[in-house]
Amino acid sequence: MKNPGDKIKRIGLIGHSEKITCSDVVADAARLIRASGRIVAADLATAQAARLQTDTCPDAASLAAQVDLLLVFGGDGTFLRVARGIAGSRTPLLGINIGGLGFLTAVSSAALAPALKEVWEGEFRFETRALIEASTRCGGRIIRHAALNDIVISRGVVPRLIQLDVDVNGELLTRYRGDGLIISSPTGSTAYSLAAGGALVMPTAEVFALTPICAHTLSNRSLILPLTSKIRIRAVSPKPATVLSADGDVIAELASGEVVMIRRSPHTVRLMQLADSSFFASLRQKLNWRGENG
């Protein structure tokens, strides 16, 4: 049987250029990759920060087109940025965690060498993750933005509840009153949605999770919907109360009556999972869950 690790000959490196410790880990990765006989490439900012003498590309998308695997160094924020940047690419991502909790950056920087050894030996699998997207006409312009984790409609700087009318597939769901609403992808169930009391979802499940933020009505609970659903959200509150964001980046301020459509994106991303990793193991480790003998 052929070793799938032999197909990974060119590896791209993208790091959080403002994390001081990140540059050292990126340099170590470059050394280990070259020692294995493979080729290193990087985006320009990462190469400059880590002082790498290597081929460079201006951004994540162009780098992904040139390599067989992208290693992303940083936290989940860096990983989300890169994932959106290469949406639709078949090049897989493997996240290397530089501090923090890191559900997406699955490999600890301290375990970099053994993790790369697993890659060379073909001890991995790929998972395809769905992106979701929000589209709206705001201030006379059309805005469309993808997210790997979540789309959030929330109150801005004004400390008062907002109101959102929500339809699903053309049928009225409810009017939410509170601090906002999180529309999470399966991957994003361990992010803001979890902090707001939402359900944990297997990242390969074909579902949305709608989770209200500090709902004024106690009967409002997190709701699971098929990923084929078309979710229409109309802002009821006037500016400057209602803000639209994707993966933590603010993309628009909504006026009363403006509508956001949320659906599954036509694009996906591929994640590399090492053979000994699993969603349940990640939950046990990162959320400090214990079994009967714990």
C-alpha atoms as a PDB file:
ATOM      1  CA  MET A   1       0.000   0.000   0.000  1.00  0.00           C
ATOM      2  CA  LYS A   2       1.331   3.418  -0.942  1.00  0.00           C
ATOM      3  CA  ASN A   3       2.093   5.909   1.802  1.00  0.00           C
ATOM      4  CA  PRO A   4      -0.205   8.964   1.352  1.00  0.00           C
ATOM      5  CA  GLY A   5       2.431  11.060   3.121  1.00  0.00           C
ATOM      6  CA  ASP A   6       4.682  10.638   0.077  1.00  0.00           C
ATOM      7  CA  LYS A   7       2.261  12.790  -1.941  1.00  0.00           C
ATOM      8  CA  ILE A   8       2.912  15.766   0.322  1.00  0.00           C
ATOM      9  CA  LYS A   9       6.039  17.228  -1.233  1.00  0.00           C
ATOM     10  CA  ARG A  10       5.519  21.003  -0.915  1.00  0.00           C
ATOM     11  CA  ILE A  11       4.353  22.506   2.379  1.00  0.00           C
ATOM     12  CA  GLY A  12       3.220  26.077   2.903  1.00  0.00           C
ATOM     13  CA  LEU A  13       3.659  27.958   6.190  1.00  0.00           C
ATOM     14  CA  ILE A  14       1.380  30.752   7.419  1.00  0.00           C
ATOM     15  CA  GLY A  15       1.811  32.241  10.881  1.00  0.00           C
ATOM     16  CA  HIS A  16       0.474  34.985  13.112  1.00  0.00           C
ATOM     17  CA  SER A  17       3.165  37.562  12.399  1.00  0.00           C
ATOM     18  CA  GLU A  18       2.482  39.498  15.629  1.00  0.00           C
ATOM     19  CA  LYS A  19       2.989  36.514  17.962  1.00  0.00           C
ATOM     20  CA  ILE A  20       6.626  36.586  19.039  1.00  0.00           C
ATOM     21  CA  THR A  21       6.801  32.844  19.775  1.00  0.00           C
ATOM     22  CA  CYS A  22       5.205  32.028  16.423  1.00  0.00           C
ATOM     23  CA  SER A  23       8.301  32.915  14.390  1.00  0.00           C
ATOM     24  CA  ASP A  24      10.494  30.447  16.277  1.00  0.00           C
ATOM     25  CA  VAL A  25       7.975  27.623  15.789  1.00  0.00           C
ATOM     26  CA  VAL A  26       7.650  28.432  12.071  1.00  0.00           C
ATOM     27  CA  ALA A  27      11.449  28.340  11.719  1.00  0.00           C
ATOM     28  CA  ASP A  28      11.553  24.955  13.487  1.00  0.00           C
ATOM     29  CA  ALA A  29       8.856  23.651  11.133  1.00  0.00           C
ATOM     30  CA  ALA A  30      10.818  24.807   8.086  1.00  0.00           C
ATOM     31  CA  ARG A  31      13.912  23.005   9.379  1.00  0.00           C
ATOM     32  CA  LEU A  32      11.992  19.763  10.006  1.00  0.00           C
ATOM     33  CA  ILE A  33      10.318  19.899   6.590  1.00  0.00           C
ATOM     34  CA  ARG A  34      13.615  20.396   4.779  1.00  0.00           C
ATOM     35  CA  ALA A  35      15.216  17.602   6.799  1.00  0.00           C
ATOM     36  CA  SER A  36      12.519  15.284   5.450  1.00  0.00           C
ATOM     37  CA  GLY A  37      13.478  16.175   1.875  1.00  0.00           C
ATOM     38  CA  ARG A  38      10.373  18.263   1.249  1.00  0.00           C
ATOM     39  CA  ILE A  39      10.047  21.819  -0.049  1.00  0.00           C
ATOM     40  CA  VAL A  40       9.051  24.807   2.084  1.00  0.00           C
ATOM     41  CA  ALA A  41       7.072  27.842   0.938  1.00  0.00           C
ATOM     42  CA  ALA A  42       5.419  30.643   2.909  1.00  0.00           C
ATOM     43  CA  ASP A  43       3.358  33.763   2.575  1.00  0.00           C
ATOM     44  CA  LEU A  44       5.489  36.907   2.480  1.00  0.00           C
ATOM     45  CA  ALA A  45       4.622  38.152   5.987  1.00  0.00           C
ATOM     46  CA  THR A  46       5.447  34.789   7.582  1.00  0.00           C
ATOM     47  CA  ALA A  47       8.729  34.439   5.694  1.00  0.00           C
ATOM     48  CA  GLN A  48       9.826  37.912   6.796  1.00  0.00           C
ATOM     49  CA  ALA A  49       8.792  37.406  10.440  1.00  0.00           C
ATOM     50  CA  ALA A  50      10.564  34.012  10.701  1.00  0.00           C
ATOM     51  CA  ARG A  51      13.495  35.123   8.494  1.00  0.00           C
ATOM     52  CA  LEU A  52      12.995  32.248   6.093  1.00  0.00           C
ATOM     53  CA  GLN A  53      14.963  31.978   2.874  1.00  0.00           C
ATOM     54  CA  THR A  54      12.268  30.317   0.796  1.00  0.00           C
ATOM     55  CA  ASP A  55       9.733  30.716  -1.990  1.00  0.00           C
ATOM     56  CA  THR A  56       7.008  33.195  -1.041  1.00  0.00           C
ATOM     57  CA  CYS A  57       3.472  34.059  -2.146  1.00  0.00           C
ATOM     58  CA  PRO A  58       1.580  37.277  -1.378  1.00  0.00           C
ATOM     59  CA  ASP A  59      -1.394  35.655   0.362  1.00  0.00           C
ATOM     60  CA  ALA A  60      -2.977  32.423   1.566  1.00  0.00           C
ATOM     61  CA  ALA A  61      -4.944  31.732  -1.627  1.00  0.00           C
ATOM     62  CA  SER A  62      -1.918  31.944  -3.918  1.00  0.00           C
ATOM     63  CA  LEU A  63       0.168  29.891  -1.485  1.00  0.00           C
ATOM     64  CA  ALA A  64      -2.497  27.167  -1.293  1.00  0.00           C
ATOM     65  CA  ALA A  65      -2.383  26.862  -5.081  1.00  0.00           C
ATOM     66  CA  GLN A  66       1.345  26.069  -4.933  1.00  0.00           C
ATOM     67  CA  VAL A  67       1.543  23.506  -2.115  1.00  0.00           C
ATOM     68  CA  ASP A  68       0.162  20.132  -1.009  1.00  0.00           C
ATOM     69  CA  LEU A  69      -0.451  21.110   2.638  1.00  0.00           C
ATOM     70  CA  LEU A  70      -0.776  24.376   4.568  1.00  0.00           C
ATOM     71  CA  LEU A  71       0.468  24.556   8.151  1.00  0.00           C
ATOM     72  CA  VAL A  72      -1.240  27.408  10.022  1.00  0.00           C
ATOM     73  CA  PHE A  73       0.539  28.704  13.147  1.00  0.00           C
ATOM     74  CA  GLY A  74      -1.323  30.751  15.753  1.00  0.00           C
ATOM     75  CA  GLY A  75      -4.731  30.481  17.347  1.00  0.00           C
ATOM     76  CA  ASP A  76      -8.203  29.814  16.010  1.00  0.00           C
ATOM     77  CA  GLY A  77      -8.470  33.422  14.773  1.00  0.00           C
ATOM     78  CA  THR A  78      -5.491  32.938  12.450  1.00  0.00           C
ATOM     79  CA  PHE A  79      -6.890  29.595  11.305  1.00  0.00           C
ATOM     80  CA  LEU A  80     -10.300  31.127  10.506  1.00  0.00           C
ATOM     81  CA  ARG A  81      -8.697  33.907   8.475  1.00  0.00           C
ATOM     82  CA  VAL A  82      -6.676  31.439   6.414  1.00  0.00           C
ATOM     83  CA  ALA A  83      -9.637  29.080   5.943  1.00  0.00           C
ATOM     84  CA  ARG A  84     -11.782  31.899   4.535  1.00  0.00           C
ATOM     85  CA  GLY A  85      -8.905  33.035   2.359  1.00  0.00           C
ATOM     86  CA  ILE A  86      -8.542  29.654   0.635  1.00  0.00           C
ATOM     87  CA  ALA A  87     -12.249  28.712   0.579  1.00  0.00           C
ATOM     88  CA  GLY A  88     -12.916  26.262  -2.239  1.00  0.00           C
ATOM     89  CA  SER A  89      -9.299  25.069  -2.436  1.00  0.00           C
ATOM     90  CA  ARG A  90      -8.549  21.348  -2.176  1.00  0.00           C
ATOM     91  CA  THR A  91      -5.323  22.046  -0.262  1.00  0.00           C
ATOM     92  CA  PRO A  92      -5.728  20.766   3.317  1.00  0.00           C
ATOM     93  CA  LEU A  93      -5.008  22.790   6.459  1.00  0.00           C
ATOM     94  CA  LEU A  94      -3.299  21.610   9.639  1.00  0.00           C
ATOM     95  CA  GLY A  95      -3.361  24.032  12.578  1.00  0.00           C
ATOM     96  CA  ILE A  96      -0.419  24.397  14.972  1.00  0.00           C
ATOM     97  CA  ASN A  97      -1.549  26.004  18.230  1.00  0.00           C
ATOM     98  CA  ILE A  98       0.594  28.819  19.632  1.00  0.00           C
ATOM     99  CA  GLY A  99      -0.973  29.234  23.091  1.00  0.00           C
ATOM    100  CA  GLY A 100      -4.696  29.566  23.905  1.00  0.00           C
ATOM    101  CA  LEU A 101      -7.475  26.989  23.798  1.00  0.00           C
ATOM    102  CA  GLY A 102      -7.470  26.203  20.064  1.00  0.00           C
ATOM    103  CA  PHE A 103     -10.221  23.855  18.856  1.00  0.00           C
ATOM    104  CA  LEU A 104      -9.208  24.368  15.211  1.00  0.00           C
ATOM    105  CA  THR A 105      -5.453  24.509  15.734  1.00  0.00           C
ATOM    106  CA  ALA A 106      -5.367  20.914  16.858  1.00  0.00           C
ATOM    107  CA  VAL A 107      -1.597  20.310  17.199  1.00  0.00           C
ATOM    108  CA  SER A 108       0.308  21.843  20.111  1.00  0.00           C
ATOM    109  CA  SER A 109       3.508  23.636  19.099  1.00  0.00           C
ATOM    110  CA  ALA A 110       5.317  21.419  21.630  1.00  0.00           C
ATOM    111  CA  ALA A 111       4.189  18.368  19.630  1.00  0.00           C
ATOM    112  CA  LEU A 112       5.265  19.749  16.240  1.00  0.00           C
ATOM    113  CA  ALA A 113       8.033  17.214  15.529  1.00  0.00           C
ATOM    114  CA  PRO A 114       5.997  14.051  16.271  1.00  0.00           C
ATOM    115  CA  ALA A 115       3.004  15.535  14.427  1.00  0.00           C
ATOM    116  CA  LEU A 116       5.058  16.087  11.283  1.00  0.00           C
ATOM    117  CA  LYS A 117       6.449  12.563  11.617  1.00  0.00           C
ATOM    118  CA  GLU A 118       2.846  11.298  11.497  1.00  0.00           C
ATOM    119  CA  VAL A 119       2.286  13.319   8.328  1.00  0.00           C
ATOM    120  CA  TRP A 120       5.417  11.867   6.678  1.00  0.00           C
ATOM    121  CA  GLU A 121       4.227   8.367   7.606  1.00  0.00           C
ATOM    122  CA  GLY A 122       0.732   8.951   6.210  1.00  0.00           C
ATOM    123  CA  GLU A 123      -1.029   8.661   9.560  1.00  0.00           C
ATOM    124  CA  PHE A 124      -3.775  11.163   8.838  1.00  0.00           C
ATOM    125  CA  ARG A 125      -7.177  11.606   7.256  1.00  0.00           C
ATOM    126  CA  PHE A 126      -9.007  14.534   5.708  1.00  0.00           C
ATOM    127  CA  GLU A 127     -12.276  16.138   6.825  1.00  0.00           C
ATOM    128  CA  THR A 128     -14.331  18.453   4.643  1.00  0.00           C
ATOM    129  CA  ARG A 129     -15.862  21.322   6.601  1.00  0.00           C
ATOM    130  CA  ALA A 130     -18.803  23.411   5.431  1.00  0.00           C
ATOM    131  CA  LEU A 131     -18.644  27.201   5.266  1.00  0.00           C
ATOM    132  CA  ILE A 132     -21.733  29.340   5.764  1.00  0.00           C
ATOM    133  CA  GLU A 133     -22.382  32.745   4.236  1.00  0.00           C
ATOM    134  CA  ALA A 134     -24.377  35.890   4.954  1.00  0.00           C
ATOM    135  CA  SER A 135     -25.603  38.268   2.276  1.00  0.00           C
ATOM    136  CA  THR A 136     -27.355  41.604   2.694  1.00  0.00           C
ATOM    137  CA  ARG A 137     -28.026  44.893   0.940  1.00  0.00           C
ATOM    138  CA  CYS A 138     -26.785  47.508   3.361  1.00  0.00           C
ATOM    139  CA  GLY A 139     -26.445  51.214   2.665  1.00  0.00           C
ATOM    140  CA  GLY A 140     -27.105  50.666  -1.028  1.00  0.00           C
ATOM    141  CA  ARG A 141     -24.399  48.036  -1.521  1.00  0.00           C
ATOM    142  CA  ILE A 142     -24.565  44.243  -1.609  1.00  0.00           C
ATOM    143  CA  ILE A 143     -22.429  42.503   0.990  1.00  0.00           C
ATOM    144  CA  ARG A 144     -21.630  38.779   0.909  1.00  0.00           C
ATOM    145  CA  HIS A 145     -19.293  37.224   3.460  1.00  0.00           C
ATOM    146  CA  ALA A 146     -18.360  33.618   4.297  1.00  0.00           C
ATOM    147  CA  ALA A 147     -17.567  32.159   7.715  1.00  0.00           C
ATOM    148  CA  LEU A 148     -16.179  28.871   8.968  1.00  0.00           C
ATOM    149  CA  ASN A 149     -17.428  29.303  12.553  1.00  0.00           C
ATOM    150  CA  ASP A 150     -20.397  31.641  12.744  1.00  0.00           C
ATOM    151  CA  ILE A 151     -22.432  34.602  11.591  1.00  0.00           C
ATOM    152  CA  VAL A 152     -23.513  36.833  14.483  1.00  0.00           C
ATOM    153  CA  ILE A 153     -26.107  39.602  14.570  1.00  0.00           C
ATOM    154  CA  SER A 154     -25.754  41.471  17.837  1.00  0.00           C
ATOM    155  CA  ARG A 155     -26.220  44.774  19.574  1.00  0.00           C
ATOM    156  CA  GLY A 156     -23.522  47.365  19.015  1.00  0.00           C
ATOM    157  CA  VAL A 157     -22.184  49.823  21.554  1.00  0.00           C
ATOM    158  CA  VAL A 158     -25.670  50.810  22.766  1.00  0.00           C
ATOM    159  CA  PRO A 159     -26.452  48.733  25.903  1.00  0.00           C
ATOM    160  CA  ARG A 160     -30.021  47.774  25.068  1.00  0.00           C
ATOM    161  CA  LEU A 161     -31.721  44.706  23.661  1.00  0.00           C
ATOM    162  CA  ILE A 162     -32.328  44.373  19.944  1.00  0.00           C
ATOM    163  CA  GLN A 163     -35.157  42.676  18.071  1.00  0.00           C
ATOM    164  CA  LEU A 164     -34.726  40.303  15.130  1.00  0.00           C
ATOM    165  CA  ASP A 165     -37.483  38.677  13.053  1.00  0.00           C
ATOM    166  CA  VAL A 166     -36.372  35.237  11.798  1.00  0.00           C
ATOM    167  CA  ASP A 167     -37.882  33.155   8.969  1.00  0.00           C
ATOM    168  CA  VAL A 168     -36.680  29.683   7.979  1.00  0.00           C
ATOM    169  CA  ASN A 169     -37.407  28.534   4.415  1.00  0.00           C
ATOM    170  CA  GLY A 170     -40.063  31.222   4.108  1.00  0.00           C
ATOM    171  CA  GLU A 171     -41.875  30.342   7.343  1.00  0.00           C
ATOM    172  CA  LEU A 172     -41.877  32.632  10.376  1.00  0.00           C
ATOM    173  CA  LEU A 173     -39.849  31.228  13.272  1.00  0.00           C
ATOM    174  CA  THR A 174     -40.034  33.953  15.936  1.00  0.00           C
ATOM    175  CA  ARG A 175     -38.970  37.430  16.952  1.00  0.00           C
ATOM    176  CA  TYR A 176     -35.850  37.269  19.097  1.00  0.00           C
ATOM    177  CA  ARG A 177     -35.369  39.940  21.756  1.00  0.00           C
ATOM    178  CA  GLY A 178     -32.020  40.081  23.494  1.00  0.00           C
ATOM    179  CA  ASP A 179     -28.370  40.855  22.840  1.00  0.00           C
ATOM    180  CA  GLY A 180     -28.406  39.073  19.484  1.00  0.00           C
ATOM    181  CA  LEU A 181     -28.364  35.776  17.626  1.00  0.00           C
ATOM    182  CA  ILE A 182     -25.530  33.388  16.677  1.00  0.00           C
ATOM    183  CA  ILE A 183     -25.911  31.311  13.517  1.00  0.00           C
ATOM    184  CA  SER A 184     -23.234  28.671  13.845  1.00  0.00           C
ATOM    185  CA  SER A 185     -21.807  26.171  11.400  1.00  0.00           C
ATOM    186  CA  PRO A 186     -21.089  22.662  12.713  1.00  0.00           C
ATOM    187  CA  THR A 187     -17.434  23.632  13.123  1.00  0.00           C
ATOM    188  CA  GLY A 188     -18.398  26.742  15.083  1.00  0.00           C
ATOM    189  CA  SER A 189     -20.408  24.953  17.760  1.00  0.00           C
ATOM    190  CA  THR A 190     -17.346  25.017  20.051  1.00  0.00           C
ATOM    191  CA  ALA A 191     -16.878  28.786  19.654  1.00  0.00           C
ATOM    192  CA  TYR A 192     -19.203  31.685  20.582  1.00  0.00           C
ATOM    193  CA  SER A 193     -22.274  29.445  20.359  1.00  0.00           C
ATOM    194  CA  LEU A 194     -20.923  27.225  23.139  1.00  0.00           C
ATOM    195  CA  ALA A 195     -20.225  30.245  25.355  1.00  0.00           C
ATOM    196  CA  ALA A 196     -23.837  31.395  24.814  1.00  0.00           C
ATOM    197  CA  GLY A 197     -25.253  28.020  25.884  1.00  0.00           C
ATOM    198  CA  GLY A 198     -25.578  26.378  22.465  1.00  0.00           C
ATOM    199  CA  ALA A 199     -25.336  22.663  21.760  1.00  0.00           C
ATOM    200  CA  LEU A 200     -22.075  20.933  20.908  1.00  0.00           C
ATOM    201  CA  VAL A 201     -22.267  19.548  17.364  1.00  0.00           C
ATOM    202  CA  MET A 202     -20.075  17.062  15.534  1.00  0.00           C
ATOM    203  CA  PRO A 203     -18.130  19.222  13.060  1.00  0.00           C
ATOM    204  CA  THR A 204     -19.073  16.989  10.119  1.00  0.00           C
ATOM    205  CA  ALA A 205     -22.812  17.162  10.889  1.00  0.00           C
ATOM    206  CA  GLU A 206     -25.018  18.824   8.264  1.00  0.00           C
ATOM    207  CA  VAL A 207     -26.688  21.371  10.535  1.00  0.00           C
ATOM    208  CA  PHE A 208     -26.910  24.999  11.610  1.00  0.00           C
ATOM    209  CA  ALA A 209     -27.264  25.971  15.266  1.00  0.00           C
ATOM    210  CA  LEU A 210     -29.258  29.124  16.066  1.00  0.00           C
ATOM    211  CA  THR A 211     -28.350  30.332  19.544  1.00  0.00           C
ATOM    212  CA  PRO A 212     -29.824  33.486  21.102  1.00  0.00           C
ATOM    213  CA  ILE A 213     -27.518  35.720  23.139  1.00  0.00           C
ATOM    214  CA  CYS A 214     -28.993  36.682  26.532  1.00  0.00           C
ATOM    215  CA  ALA A 215     -32.549  36.206  25.275  1.00  0.00           C
ATOM    216  CA  HIS A 216     -35.216  38.334  26.971  1.00  0.00           C
ATOM    217  CA  THR A 217     -37.618  35.371  26.778  1.00  0.00           C
ATOM    218  CA  LEU A 218     -36.453  32.395  28.847  1.00  0.00           C
ATOM    219  CA  SER A 219     -38.183  29.935  26.501  1.00  0.00           C
ATOM    220  CA  ASN A 220     -35.781  30.849  23.659  1.00  0.00           C
ATOM    221  CA  ARG A 221     -33.273  28.019  23.344  1.00  0.00           C
ATOM    222  CA  SER A 222     -30.621  26.944  20.861  1.00  0.00           C
ATOM    223  CA  LEU A 223     -32.260  25.490  17.755  1.00  0.00           C
ATOM    224  CA  ILE A 224     -30.730  22.941  15.349  1.00  0.00           C
ATOM    225  CA  LEU A 225     -31.675  23.261  11.659  1.00  0.00           C
ATOM    226  CA  PRO A 226     -30.654  21.353   8.516  1.00  0.00           C
ATOM    227  CA  LEU A 227     -27.696  22.915   6.713  1.00  0.00           C
ATOM    228  CA  THR A 228     -29.915  23.160   3.622  1.00  0.00           C
ATOM    229  CA  SER A 229     -32.077  25.768   5.396  1.00  0.00           C
ATOM    230  CA  LYS A 230     -32.413  29.334   4.119  1.00  0.00           C
ATOM    231  CA  ILE A 231     -32.468  31.646   7.129  1.00  0.00           C
ATOM    232  CA  ARG A 232     -33.832  35.174   6.724  1.00  0.00           C
ATOM    233  CA  ILE A 233     -33.236  37.684   9.514  1.00  0.00           C
ATOM    234  CA  ARG A 234     -34.754  41.177   9.531  1.00  0.00           C
ATOM    235  CA  ALA A 235     -33.432  43.842  11.862  1.00  0.00           C
ATOM    236  CA  VAL A 236     -36.229  45.564  13.766  1.00  0.00           C
ATOM    237  CA  SER A 237     -34.148  47.905  15.917  1.00  0.00           C
ATOM    238  CA  PRO A 238     -32.797  51.166  14.436  1.00  0.00           C
ATOM    239  CA  LYS A 239     -29.131  52.067  14.002  1.00  0.00           C
ATOM    240  CA  PRO A 240     -26.690  52.013  15.709  1.00  0.00           C
ATOM    241  CA  ALA A 241     -28.060  49.041  17.626  1.00  0.00           C
ATOM    242  CA  THR A 242     -27.560  46.075  15.255  1.00  0.00           C
ATOM    243  CA  VAL A 243     -24.215  44.783  13.983  1.00  0.00           C
ATOM    244  CA  LEU A 244     -23.507  41.942  11.528  1.00  0.00           C
ATOM    245  CA  SER A 245     -20.244  40.018  11.909  1.00  0.00           C
ATOM    246  CA  ALA A 246     -18.645  36.883  10.471  1.00  0.00           C
ATOM    247  CA  ASP A 247     -16.068  34.880  12.422  1.00  0.00           C
ATOM    248  CA  GLY A 248     -15.644  37.865  14.739  1.00  0.00           C
ATOM    249  CA  ASP A 249     -15.085  40.461  11.997  1.00  0.00           C
ATOM    250  CA  VAL A 250     -17.687  43.248  11.824  1.00  0.00           C
ATOM    251  CA  ILE A 251     -18.937  43.522   8.242  1.00  0.00           C
ATOM    252  CA  ALA A 252     -21.996  45.796   8.440  1.00  0.00           C
ATOM    253  CA  GLU A 253     -24.244  47.885  10.649  1.00  0.00           C
ATOM    254  CA  LEU A 254     -27.896  47.161   9.978  1.00  0.00           C
ATOM    255  CA  ALA A 255     -30.693  49.699   9.874  1.00  0.00           C
ATOM    256  CA  SER A 256     -34.255  48.847  10.831  1.00  0.00           C
ATOM    257  CA  GLY A 257     -35.882  46.772   8.095  1.00  0.00           C
ATOM    258  CA  GLU A 258     -32.638  45.571   6.524  1.00  0.00           C
ATOM    259  CA  VAL A 259     -32.493  41.831   5.871  1.00  0.00           C
ATOM    260  CA  VAL A 260     -29.681  39.266   6.126  1.00  0.00           C
ATOM    261  CA  MET A 261     -29.907  35.947   4.272  1.00  0.00           C
ATOM    262  CA  ILE A 262     -27.855  33.084   5.696  1.00  0.00           C
ATOM    263  CA  ARG A 263     -27.275  29.805   3.917  1.00  0.00           C
ATOM    264  CA  ARG A 264     -24.662  27.174   3.308  1.00  0.00           C
ATOM    265  CA  SER A 265     -21.765  28.461   1.231  1.00  0.00           C
ATOM    266  CA  PRO A 266     -20.954  26.676  -2.037  1.00  0.00           C
ATOM    267  CA  HIS A 267     -17.350  26.518  -0.788  1.00  0.00           C
ATOM    268  CA  THR A 268     -15.728  24.155   1.707  1.00  0.00           C
ATOM    269  CA  VAL A 269     -12.320  23.738   3.307  1.00  0.00           C
ATOM    270  CA  ARG A 270     -10.344  20.543   3.934  1.00  0.00           C
ATOM    271  CA  LEU A 271      -8.754  19.897   7.312  1.00  0.00           C
ATOM    272  CA  MET A 272      -6.038  17.358   7.981  1.00  0.00           C
ATOM    273  CA  GLN A 273      -6.697  15.290  11.088  1.00  0.00           C
ATOM    274  CA  LEU A 274      -3.901  13.181  12.524  1.00  0.00           C
ATOM    275  CA  ALA A 275      -4.688   9.532  13.126  1.00  0.00           C
ATOM    276  CA  ASP A 276      -4.869   9.779  16.928  1.00  0.00           C
ATOM    277  CA  SER A 277      -7.095  12.880  16.979  1.00  0.00           C
ATOM    278  CA  SER A 278     -10.865  12.933  17.424  1.00  0.00           C
ATOM    279  CA  PHE A 279     -13.617  15.413  18.261  1.00  0.00           C
ATOM    280  CA  PHE A 280     -14.483  13.567  21.475  1.00  0.00           C
ATOM    281  CA  ALA A 281     -10.856  13.463  22.600  1.00  0.00           C
ATOM    282  CA  SER A 282     -10.626  17.196  21.934  1.00  0.00           C
ATOM    283  CA  LEU A 283     -13.720  17.832  24.069  1.00  0.00           C
ATOM    284  CA  ARG A 284     -12.311  15.746  26.923  1.00  0.00           C
ATOM    285  CA  GLN A 285      -8.997  17.561  26.809  1.00  0.00           C
ATOM    286  CA  LYS A 286     -10.071  21.152  26.209  1.00  0.00           C
ATOM    287  CA  LEU A 287     -13.261  21.150  28.298  1.00  0.00           C
ATOM    288  CA  ASN A 288     -11.766  19.014  31.094  1.00  0.00           C
ATOM    289  CA  TRP A 289     -14.393  16.297  30.751  1.00  0.00           C
ATOM    290  CA  ARG A 290     -13.810  13.101  32.659  1.00  0.00           C
ATOM    291  CA  GLY A 291     -14.973   9.518  32.353  1.00  0.00           C
ATOM    292  CA  GLU A 292     -15.960   7.218  35.188  1.00  0.00           C
ATOM    293  CA  ASN A 293     -12.311   6.736  36.105  1.00  0.00           C
ATOM    294  CA  GLY A 294     -11.418  10.443  35.709  1.00  0.00           C
END
